[in-house]
């Protein structure tokens, strides 16, 4: 059985290795299926190219995974149209955080034959085996499909308890020479970067998060180290970007991981996502020693009432202490702030701006974006219950037209007032960022010409 997995084009010059699809490719390959990757991202193929490719080459199944998002949604519709136009149309499967919360809507909208709901490694293999053997898929856990014009949504599949049983992503099937050019904070010009996950899920449940799987499951430290060593040996990777929701999930877990990195002598730089209530000096010192250069923090708001409303399980005091501790250890913090949560107003927005200006270290340009109630999130169901959204179609077709524009207004401000407030806030942040960049460039010029700095290599952007 021949399977084509599609990596959609994000219309970016440098794209991120599709880790989720890499895992799907790995389990299918391990199960004996012939797997091919269609890299629309690398070649910037138009969708018509996919139709011609499917016409020319025979595949039994074609798969595509997307997250939620206005761009991803429109891309999904275009790719679905391309698949459906093919003269040799394979069995068409969707997966990912985008379609999983509302499978009925996505089945009808895309014409897909099946949707894998949630974690896909076990489900996709069973689905492929059933199709290869021409068996019914009606009783397969973890999928949704159409039957006689009606959507059938089967029961969810239990989560994989031991993540170490899943093979590493099938890197060998992907153009790693392309993906490793990804740039991350504080990576040197000669660094090669790869994303990885250290675990799945999160032990918290923020109101805006559309992750459907409960709880946190961590990979073993040994398994993570083994994968990093393989990436270094096979692809020259020198910098790891941990993309999972929460690497710093506890002090104990973070300590164990860092001590493992140090013992193994990995000699890599790395970034991760963290929680500020775990950002303690001793932990941060160990992370720094183990190679950590950047921690991306979900701050979201700088008001305790708003933080409570979003079920963030953080306080402003914890945020300030954690950021100050991170900066003290000379690790750059990533500042993620969203506006428009329940309880937000112009004053809470100004508190966020003041905070970002005070603690910005210039590692990244950070702007404030509106909160978006993606299907699957508690905020989405709140919006449905309170008449702010009609349904999934209303969200994707009418409301969510851009990630930086308001989708649903949870504040007492008018939409016009809301966007004006965000414009004013981000204007200050953007000016501050480029003011600092200008100062840095002028300092480089001074050292070059006034101190005859022979190590100068040009005014570079990365």
Protein backbone atom coordinates (compact mmCIF):
# COMPACT_ATOMS: atom_id res chain seq x y z
CA UNK A 1 0.00 0.00 0.00
CA UNK A 2 1.39 3.38 -1.04
CA UNK A 3 0.76 6.47 1.09
CA UNK A 4 1.42 10.14 0.31
CA UNK A 5 1.73 12.58 3.23
CA UNK A 6 1.37 16.24 2.32
CA UNK A 7 3.37 19.03 4.01
CA UNK A 8 1.44 22.18 3.18
CA UNK A 9 3.12 25.43 2.22
CA UNK A 10 3.16 28.12 4.93
CA UNK A 11 4.47 30.58 2.32
CA UNK A 12 7.61 31.13 4.40
CA UNK A 13 11.21 31.20 3.21
CA UNK A 14 12.30 28.84 5.99
CA UNK A 15 9.83 26.27 7.28
CA UNK A 16 9.72 24.24 10.47
CA UNK A 17 10.17 20.48 10.28
CA UNK A 18 6.63 18.98 10.56
CA UNK A 19 7.23 16.87 13.66
CA UNK A 20 3.69 15.48 13.84
CA UNK A 21 3.75 14.28 10.25
CA UNK A 22 7.25 12.92 10.89
CA UNK A 23 5.86 10.65 13.60
CA UNK A 24 2.99 9.52 11.37
CA UNK A 25 5.45 8.70 8.59
CA UNK A 26 7.61 6.75 11.04
CA UNK A 27 4.86 4.47 12.35
CA UNK A 28 3.50 3.82 8.86
CA UNK A 29 6.97 2.99 7.56
CA UNK A 30 7.64 0.74 10.56
CA UNK A 31 4.39 -1.12 9.79
CA UNK A 32 5.60 -1.89 6.28
CA UNK A 33 3.80 0.75 4.24
CA UNK A 34 5.42 2.59 1.36
CA UNK A 35 5.46 6.24 2.50
CA UNK A 36 6.28 9.28 0.37
CA UNK A 37 6.39 12.93 1.44
CA UNK A 38 4.97 15.68 -0.77
CA UNK A 39 6.86 18.86 0.17
CA UNK A 40 4.69 21.71 -0.99
CA UNK A 41 6.48 23.85 1.62
CA UNK A 42 9.95 23.41 0.13
CA UNK A 43 9.00 23.91 -3.50
CA UNK A 44 6.04 26.32 -3.06
CA UNK A 45 4.01 24.21 -5.46
CA UNK A 46 0.57 25.53 -6.40
CA UNK A 47 -2.30 23.21 -5.48
CA UNK A 48 -2.76 22.29 -9.15
CA UNK A 49 0.63 20.58 -8.98
CA UNK A 50 -0.71 18.18 -6.35
CA UNK A 51 -3.65 17.26 -8.59
CA UNK A 52 -1.28 16.53 -11.49
CA UNK A 53 1.03 14.57 -9.18
CA UNK A 54 -1.84 12.37 -7.97
CA UNK A 55 -2.97 11.88 -11.58
CA UNK A 56 0.51 10.76 -12.59
CA UNK A 57 1.40 8.59 -9.58
CA UNK A 58 -0.72 5.95 -7.88
CA UNK A 59 -1.35 6.24 -4.13
CA UNK A 60 -3.81 4.31 -2.00
CA UNK A 61 -4.00 6.98 0.70
CA UNK A 62 -3.19 10.66 0.98
CA UNK A 63 -2.91 12.33 4.39
CA UNK A 64 -2.77 15.91 5.61
CA UNK A 65 -2.54 17.34 9.13
CA UNK A 66 -3.25 20.94 10.15
CA UNK A 67 -3.53 23.01 13.29
CA UNK A 68 -6.38 25.47 13.82
CA UNK A 69 -5.90 28.84 12.18
CA UNK A 70 -7.37 31.05 9.46
CA UNK A 71 -4.42 30.45 7.08
CA UNK A 72 -4.32 26.70 7.73
CA UNK A 73 -8.09 26.44 7.23
CA UNK A 74 -8.01 28.15 3.83
CA UNK A 75 -4.97 26.09 2.85
CA UNK A 76 -6.78 22.91 3.87
CA UNK A 77 -9.73 23.78 1.62
CA UNK A 78 -7.43 24.43 -1.36
CA UNK A 79 -5.50 21.18 -0.87
CA UNK A 80 -8.75 19.24 -0.39
CA UNK A 81 -10.05 20.63 -3.66
CA UNK A 82 -6.81 19.57 -5.36
CA UNK A 83 -7.10 16.02 -3.96
CA UNK A 84 -10.78 15.72 -4.88
CA UNK A 85 -10.06 16.81 -8.49
CA UNK A 86 -7.57 14.01 -9.03
CA UNK A 87 -8.53 11.36 -11.56
CA UNK A 88 -6.86 8.74 -9.32
CA UNK A 89 -8.15 10.20 -6.04
CA UNK A 90 -6.78 8.15 -3.12
CA UNK A 91 -8.52 7.61 0.21
CA UNK A 92 -8.21 11.04 1.80
CA UNK A 93 -7.42 11.36 5.53
CA UNK A 94 -7.19 14.49 7.70
CA UNK A 95 -5.71 14.89 11.17
CA UNK A 96 -4.35 17.41 13.64
CA UNK A 97 -5.66 19.96 16.12
CA UNK A 98 -7.59 21.79 13.40
CA UNK A 99 -10.15 19.16 12.32
CA UNK A 100 -10.17 17.06 15.51
CA UNK A 101 -12.54 19.17 17.68
CA UNK A 102 -15.22 19.50 14.97
CA UNK A 103 -14.80 16.46 12.69
CA UNK A 104 -18.33 16.57 11.23
CA UNK A 105 -17.87 20.10 9.94
CA UNK A 106 -14.48 19.32 8.39
CA UNK A 107 -15.69 16.09 6.76
CA UNK A 108 -18.51 17.94 5.01
CA UNK A 109 -16.39 20.97 4.12
CA UNK A 110 -13.40 19.09 2.67
CA UNK A 111 -14.91 15.89 1.31
CA UNK A 112 -12.31 13.86 3.22
CA UNK A 113 -13.00 10.15 3.67
CA UNK A 114 -11.87 10.05 7.31
CA UNK A 115 -10.54 12.25 10.08
CA UNK A 116 -8.12 10.96 12.69
CA UNK A 117 -9.17 12.55 15.98
CA UNK A 118 -6.41 13.49 18.41
CA UNK A 119 -3.23 11.48 18.76
CA UNK A 120 -2.75 9.67 15.48
CA UNK A 121 0.08 7.13 15.56
CA UNK A 122 -1.95 4.05 16.49
CA UNK A 123 -5.10 5.12 14.66
CA UNK A 124 -3.44 5.81 11.29
CA UNK A 125 -1.73 2.41 11.27
CA UNK A 126 -4.98 0.58 12.04
CA UNK A 127 -6.78 2.61 9.40
CA UNK A 128 -4.12 1.86 6.79
CA UNK A 129 -4.18 -1.85 7.63
CA UNK A 130 -7.97 -1.95 7.34
CA UNK A 131 -7.87 -0.24 3.96
CA UNK A 132 -5.10 -2.52 2.70
CA UNK A 133 -7.10 -5.59 3.73
CA UNK A 134 -10.36 -4.05 2.42
CA UNK A 135 -11.91 -4.31 5.88
CA UNK A 136 -14.60 -2.04 7.29
CA UNK A 137 -13.41 0.99 9.26
CA UNK A 138 -16.76 1.45 11.02
CA UNK A 139 -15.59 0.21 14.41
CA UNK A 140 -12.16 1.81 14.38
CA UNK A 141 -11.52 3.95 17.47
CA UNK A 142 -10.30 7.50 16.98
CA UNK A 143 -11.80 8.29 13.57
CA UNK A 144 -14.76 10.08 12.05
CA UNK A 145 -16.19 9.36 8.58
CA UNK A 146 -19.26 9.91 6.45
CA UNK A 147 -21.85 7.16 6.00
CA UNK A 148 -24.96 7.65 3.86
CA UNK A 149 -24.61 11.41 4.07
CA UNK A 150 -24.21 11.50 7.85
CA UNK A 151 -21.09 11.92 9.93
CA UNK A 152 -20.11 9.03 12.19
CA UNK A 153 -17.76 9.96 15.04
CA UNK A 154 -16.32 6.90 16.76
CA UNK A 155 -15.13 6.88 20.36
CA UNK A 156 -11.78 8.43 21.16
CA UNK A 157 -8.75 6.19 21.31
CA UNK A 158 -6.89 5.98 24.65
CA UNK A 159 -3.71 8.02 24.69
CA UNK A 160 -0.37 6.28 24.20
CA UNK A 161 0.98 5.86 27.72
CA UNK A 162 4.62 5.18 26.90
CA UNK A 163 5.87 7.71 24.36
CA UNK A 164 9.22 5.92 24.12
CA UNK A 165 7.43 3.15 22.20
CA UNK A 166 6.87 5.54 19.30
CA UNK A 167 9.78 5.56 16.83
CA UNK A 168 11.63 8.80 16.17
CA UNK A 169 10.15 10.92 13.36
CA UNK A 170 11.14 9.58 9.93
CA UNK A 171 13.70 12.33 9.35
CA UNK A 172 15.23 10.34 6.51
CA UNK A 173 12.11 10.91 4.38
CA UNK A 174 12.30 14.70 4.68
CA UNK A 175 14.67 17.36 3.27
CA UNK A 176 16.51 18.01 6.53
CA UNK A 177 19.09 20.17 4.74
CA UNK A 178 16.20 22.63 4.29
CA UNK A 179 14.51 22.37 7.68
CA UNK A 180 17.74 22.68 9.66
CA UNK A 181 18.12 26.29 8.41
CA UNK A 182 15.38 27.38 10.82
CA UNK A 183 16.45 30.40 12.92
CA UNK A 184 15.69 30.65 16.64
CA UNK A 185 16.71 33.16 19.36
CA UNK A 186 20.48 33.30 19.95
CA UNK A 187 21.38 30.72 17.35
CA UNK A 188 24.65 31.51 15.60
CA UNK A 189 24.95 31.87 11.83
CA UNK A 190 26.57 28.45 11.69
CA UNK A 191 23.97 26.66 13.80
CA UNK A 192 21.69 24.00 12.36
CA UNK A 193 18.34 23.82 14.16
CA UNK A 194 15.85 21.01 14.67
CA UNK A 195 12.56 20.97 16.59
CA UNK A 196 11.80 18.12 18.99
CA UNK A 197 9.23 17.22 21.58
CA UNK A 198 10.11 16.10 25.11
CA UNK A 199 6.54 15.15 25.96
CA UNK A 200 2.91 15.57 25.04
CA UNK A 201 0.12 17.50 26.67
CA UNK A 202 0.04 19.86 29.61
CA UNK A 203 -0.95 19.60 33.25
CA UNK A 204 -2.90 22.89 33.03
CA UNK A 205 -6.13 23.80 31.23
CA UNK A 206 -6.13 27.42 30.08
CA UNK A 207 -9.46 28.66 28.73
CA UNK A 208 -8.04 29.61 25.32
CA UNK A 209 -6.19 26.33 24.69
CA UNK A 210 -7.74 23.94 22.16
CA UNK A 211 -5.58 20.94 23.04
CA UNK A 212 -8.07 18.10 23.57
CA UNK A 213 -5.88 15.52 25.29
CA UNK A 214 -5.88 15.55 29.08
CA UNK A 215 -2.76 15.44 31.21
CA UNK A 216 0.96 15.43 30.54
CA UNK A 217 3.09 12.51 29.35
CA UNK A 218 6.86 12.86 29.28
CA UNK A 219 9.42 10.99 27.23
CA UNK A 220 12.33 9.44 29.07
CA UNK A 221 15.49 11.51 29.40
CA UNK A 222 17.43 8.66 27.79
CA UNK A 223 15.15 8.63 24.75
CA UNK A 224 15.45 12.39 24.27
CA UNK A 225 19.25 12.26 24.53
CA UNK A 226 19.40 9.39 22.04
CA UNK A 227 17.37 11.37 19.50
CA UNK A 228 19.54 14.48 19.95
CA UNK A 229 22.70 12.41 19.41
CA UNK A 230 21.19 10.96 16.25
CA UNK A 231 20.27 14.43 14.96
CA UNK A 232 23.81 15.66 15.63
CA UNK A 233 25.41 12.67 13.91
CA UNK A 234 23.10 12.37 10.89
CA UNK A 235 22.18 15.99 10.20
CA UNK A 236 24.77 18.15 11.98
CA UNK A 237 22.19 19.63 14.35
CA UNK A 238 23.71 21.97 16.95
CA UNK A 239 20.57 23.64 18.31
CA UNK A 240 17.33 22.03 19.53
CA UNK A 241 14.01 23.84 19.75
CA UNK A 242 11.65 21.91 22.01
CA UNK A 243 8.20 22.54 20.57
CA UNK A 244 6.03 20.67 23.06
CA UNK A 245 3.58 22.67 25.15
CA UNK A 246 5.50 22.43 28.38
CA UNK A 247 9.04 21.13 28.87
CA UNK A 248 9.34 22.89 32.26
CA UNK A 249 6.43 20.91 33.70
CA UNK A 250 7.93 20.55 37.16
CA UNK A 251 11.17 21.32 38.96
CA UNK A 252 11.94 17.61 39.32
CA UNK A 253 11.38 16.85 35.63
CA UNK A 254 13.43 19.84 34.44
CA UNK A 255 16.29 19.02 36.80
CA UNK A 256 16.42 15.41 35.66
CA UNK A 257 16.47 16.42 31.99
CA UNK A 258 19.20 19.03 32.41
CA UNK A 259 21.40 16.76 34.48
CA UNK A 260 21.03 14.14 31.75
CA UNK A 261 22.10 16.62 29.07
CA UNK A 262 25.17 17.60 31.09
CA UNK A 263 26.20 13.99 31.82
CA UNK A 264 25.82 13.11 28.15
CA UNK A 265 28.05 16.02 27.10
CA UNK A 266 25.61 17.02 24.36
CA UNK A 267 27.13 20.48 23.92
CA UNK A 268 24.04 21.94 22.24
CA UNK A 269 22.02 25.09 22.63
CA UNK A 270 18.30 24.72 23.10
CA UNK A 271 15.00 26.48 23.71
CA UNK A 272 11.76 25.33 25.27
CA UNK A 273 8.34 26.36 26.56
CA UNK A 274 8.08 26.92 30.29
CA UNK A 275 5.88 27.93 33.20
CA UNK A 276 6.86 30.94 35.28
CA UNK A 277 5.79 29.35 38.56
CA UNK A 278 8.60 26.82 37.99
CA UNK A 279 11.19 29.45 36.99
CA UNK A 280 13.26 29.20 40.16
CA UNK A 281 16.91 30.37 40.36
CA UNK A 282 18.45 26.91 40.93
CA UNK A 283 16.47 25.37 38.07
CA UNK A 284 17.38 28.21 35.73
CA UNK A 285 21.05 27.97 36.66
CA UNK A 286 21.01 24.28 35.78
CA UNK A 287 19.18 24.95 32.53
CA UNK A 288 21.79 27.53 31.57
CA UNK A 289 24.58 25.07 32.31
CA UNK A 290 22.81 22.44 30.20
CA UNK A 291 22.70 24.77 27.18
CA UNK A 292 19.34 26.54 27.43
CA UNK A 293 19.42 30.02 25.83
CA UNK A 294 15.73 30.91 25.53
CA UNK A 295 12.53 30.00 27.41
CA UNK A 296 9.20 30.83 25.80
CA UNK A 297 6.72 31.75 28.53
CA UNK A 298 2.95 31.89 28.24
CA UNK A 299 2.28 35.05 30.24
CA UNK A 300 -1.00 35.98 28.53
CA UNK A 301 -2.01 38.84 30.88
CA UNK A 302 -0.63 41.11 33.59
CA UNK A 303 -3.77 41.32 35.70
CA UNK A 304 -4.67 38.77 38.38
CA UNK A 305 -8.43 38.90 37.68
CA UNK A 306 -7.91 38.26 33.98
CA UNK A 307 -5.45 35.45 34.74
CA UNK A 308 -8.05 33.83 37.00
CA UNK A 309 -10.75 34.16 34.35
CA UNK A 310 -8.59 32.31 31.83
CA UNK A 311 -7.69 29.63 34.39
CA UNK A 312 -4.00 30.37 33.88
CA UNK A 313 -3.00 29.25 37.39
CA UNK A 314 -0.46 32.09 37.57
CA UNK A 315 -0.27 35.40 39.41
CA UNK A 316 1.35 38.65 38.34
CA UNK A 317 3.79 38.28 41.24
CA UNK A 318 4.88 34.85 39.96
CA UNK A 319 5.26 36.24 36.44
CA UNK A 320 7.47 39.14 37.54
CA UNK A 321 9.64 36.97 39.81
CA UNK A 322 10.04 34.32 37.12
CA UNK A 323 11.00 36.78 34.38
CA UNK A 324 13.48 38.59 36.66
CA UNK A 325 15.04 35.26 37.68
CA UNK A 326 15.32 34.18 34.02
CA UNK A 327 17.00 37.43 32.98
CA UNK A 328 19.36 37.26 35.96
CA UNK A 329 20.64 33.88 34.73
CA UNK A 330 21.16 35.44 31.27
CA UNK A 331 18.53 33.27 29.60
CA UNK A 332 16.24 35.19 27.24
CA UNK A 333 12.53 34.96 28.07
CA UNK A 334 9.85 34.81 25.40
CA UNK A 335 6.93 37.09 26.22
CA UNK A 336 3.57 35.78 25.01
CA UNK A 337 0.71 38.13 25.86
CA UNK A 338 -2.82 38.06 24.45
CA UNK A 339 -5.53 40.69 24.81
CA UNK A 340 -9.31 40.48 24.80
CA UNK A 341 -9.81 37.85 27.48
CA UNK A 342 -12.81 38.00 29.76
CA UNK A 343 -12.19 40.99 32.07
CA UNK A 344 -9.66 42.72 29.82
CA UNK A 345 -9.85 46.48 29.19
CA UNK A 346 -7.57 49.36 28.22
CA UNK A 347 -6.02 49.44 31.69
CA UNK A 348 -5.06 45.74 31.65
CA UNK A 349 -3.63 46.21 28.17
CA UNK A 350 -1.49 49.12 29.37
CA UNK A 351 -0.22 46.99 32.27
CA UNK A 352 0.92 44.41 29.73
CA UNK A 353 2.66 47.04 27.57
CA UNK A 354 4.45 48.53 30.60
CA UNK A 355 5.65 45.07 31.59
CA UNK A 356 6.93 44.20 28.10
CA UNK A 357 8.78 47.51 27.79
CA UNK A 358 10.37 47.09 31.20
CA UNK A 359 11.68 43.56 30.72
CA UNK A 360 12.35 43.38 26.96
CA UNK A 361 15.89 42.12 26.26
CA UNK A 362 15.61 42.52 22.50
CA UNK A 363 15.80 38.81 21.66
CA UNK A 364 12.54 38.88 19.71
CA UNK A 365 9.99 41.31 18.36
CA UNK A 366 6.95 40.65 20.53
CA UNK A 367 3.54 42.13 19.79
CA UNK A 368 0.24 41.57 21.58
CA UNK A 369 -2.36 39.56 19.72
CA UNK A 370 -6.09 39.15 20.34
CA UNK A 371 -7.25 36.02 22.12
CA UNK A 372 -8.93 33.57 19.72
CA UNK A 373 -11.52 30.97 20.83
CA UNK A 374 -10.38 28.07 18.68
CA UNK A 375 -12.81 25.14 18.40
CA UNK A 376 -12.04 22.68 21.17
CA UNK A 377 -11.11 25.35 23.72
CA UNK A 378 -13.27 26.18 26.78
CA UNK A 379 -13.44 29.75 25.45
CA UNK A 380 -15.00 28.45 22.22
CA UNK A 381 -17.79 26.72 24.09
CA UNK A 382 -18.27 29.84 26.24
CA UNK A 383 -18.71 31.85 23.06
CA UNK A 384 -21.26 29.36 21.71
CA UNK A 385 -23.20 29.32 24.98
CA UNK A 386 -23.32 33.12 25.17
CA UNK A 387 -24.31 33.70 21.56
CA UNK A 388 -20.99 35.20 20.51
CA UNK A 389 -20.49 32.40 17.98
CA UNK A 390 -23.09 30.39 16.09
CA UNK A 391 -21.02 27.34 15.26
CA UNK A 392 -17.75 26.13 13.74
CA UNK A 393 -18.70 27.47 10.32
CA UNK A 394 -19.32 30.92 11.81
CA UNK A 395 -15.86 30.83 13.39
CA UNK A 396 -13.89 29.78 10.32
CA UNK A 397 -15.96 31.43 7.59
CA UNK A 398 -16.94 34.72 9.24
CA UNK A 399 -15.03 35.49 12.44
CA UNK A 400 -11.46 34.13 12.26
CA UNK A 401 -10.15 35.97 9.22
CA UNK A 402 -6.69 36.77 10.60
CA UNK A 403 -4.83 35.81 13.78
CA UNK A 404 -4.01 39.46 14.54
CA UNK A 405 -7.60 40.67 14.18
CA UNK A 406 -10.47 40.20 16.58
CA UNK A 407 -12.48 37.00 16.08
CA UNK A 408 -14.81 37.20 19.07
CA UNK A 409 -15.04 40.19 21.37
CA UNK A 410 -15.19 39.19 25.04
CA UNK A 411 -14.62 42.76 26.32
CA UNK A 412 -16.92 45.75 26.89
CA UNK A 413 -15.10 47.67 24.13
CA UNK A 414 -16.45 48.06 20.61
CA UNK A 415 -14.53 46.23 17.88
CA UNK A 416 -13.23 49.57 16.61
CA UNK A 417 -12.06 50.60 20.10
CA UNK A 418 -10.46 47.18 20.54
CA UNK A 419 -8.37 47.41 17.37
CA UNK A 420 -7.39 51.02 18.10
CA UNK A 421 -6.16 49.99 21.56
CA UNK A 422 -4.12 47.12 20.09
CA UNK A 423 -2.67 49.43 17.45
CA UNK A 424 -1.57 51.93 20.10
CA UNK A 425 -0.08 49.18 22.25
CA UNK A 426 1.82 47.46 19.45
CA UNK A 427 3.03 50.77 18.04
CA UNK A 428 4.90 51.33 21.31
CA UNK A 429 6.34 47.80 21.32
CA UNK A 430 7.45 47.95 17.68
CA UNK A 431 9.11 51.35 18.12
CA UNK A 432 10.92 50.11 21.23
CA UNK A 433 12.20 47.00 19.43
CA UNK A 434 13.63 48.91 16.48
CA UNK A 435 15.00 51.62 18.76
CA UNK A 436 17.03 48.93 20.52
CA UNK A 437 18.06 47.36 17.19
CA UNK A 438 19.19 50.76 15.91
CA UNK A 439 21.27 51.29 19.05
CA UNK A 440 22.88 47.85 18.63
CA UNK A 441 23.75 48.51 14.99
CA UNK A 442 25.20 51.92 15.79
CA UNK A 443 27.30 50.39 18.58
CA UNK A 444 28.64 47.84 16.08
CA UNK A 445 29.47 50.67 13.66
CA UNK A 446 31.29 52.60 16.38
CA UNK A 447 33.39 49.58 17.35
CA UNK A 448 34.13 48.89 13.68
CA UNK A 449 35.33 52.36 12.69
CA UNK A 450 36.48 53.92 15.97
CA UNK A 451 38.06 50.81 17.54
CA UNK A 452 38.98 49.07 14.25
CA UNK A 453 37.10 45.88 15.14
CA UNK A 454 38.61 43.25 12.83
CA UNK A 455 36.00 40.67 13.83
CA UNK A 456 33.16 42.62 12.18
CA UNK A 457 31.31 40.51 9.58
CA UNK A 458 28.70 42.92 8.23
CA UNK A 459 25.41 44.27 9.54
CA UNK A 460 23.50 41.01 9.67
CA UNK A 461 19.83 40.35 10.46
CA UNK A 462 20.36 36.92 11.98
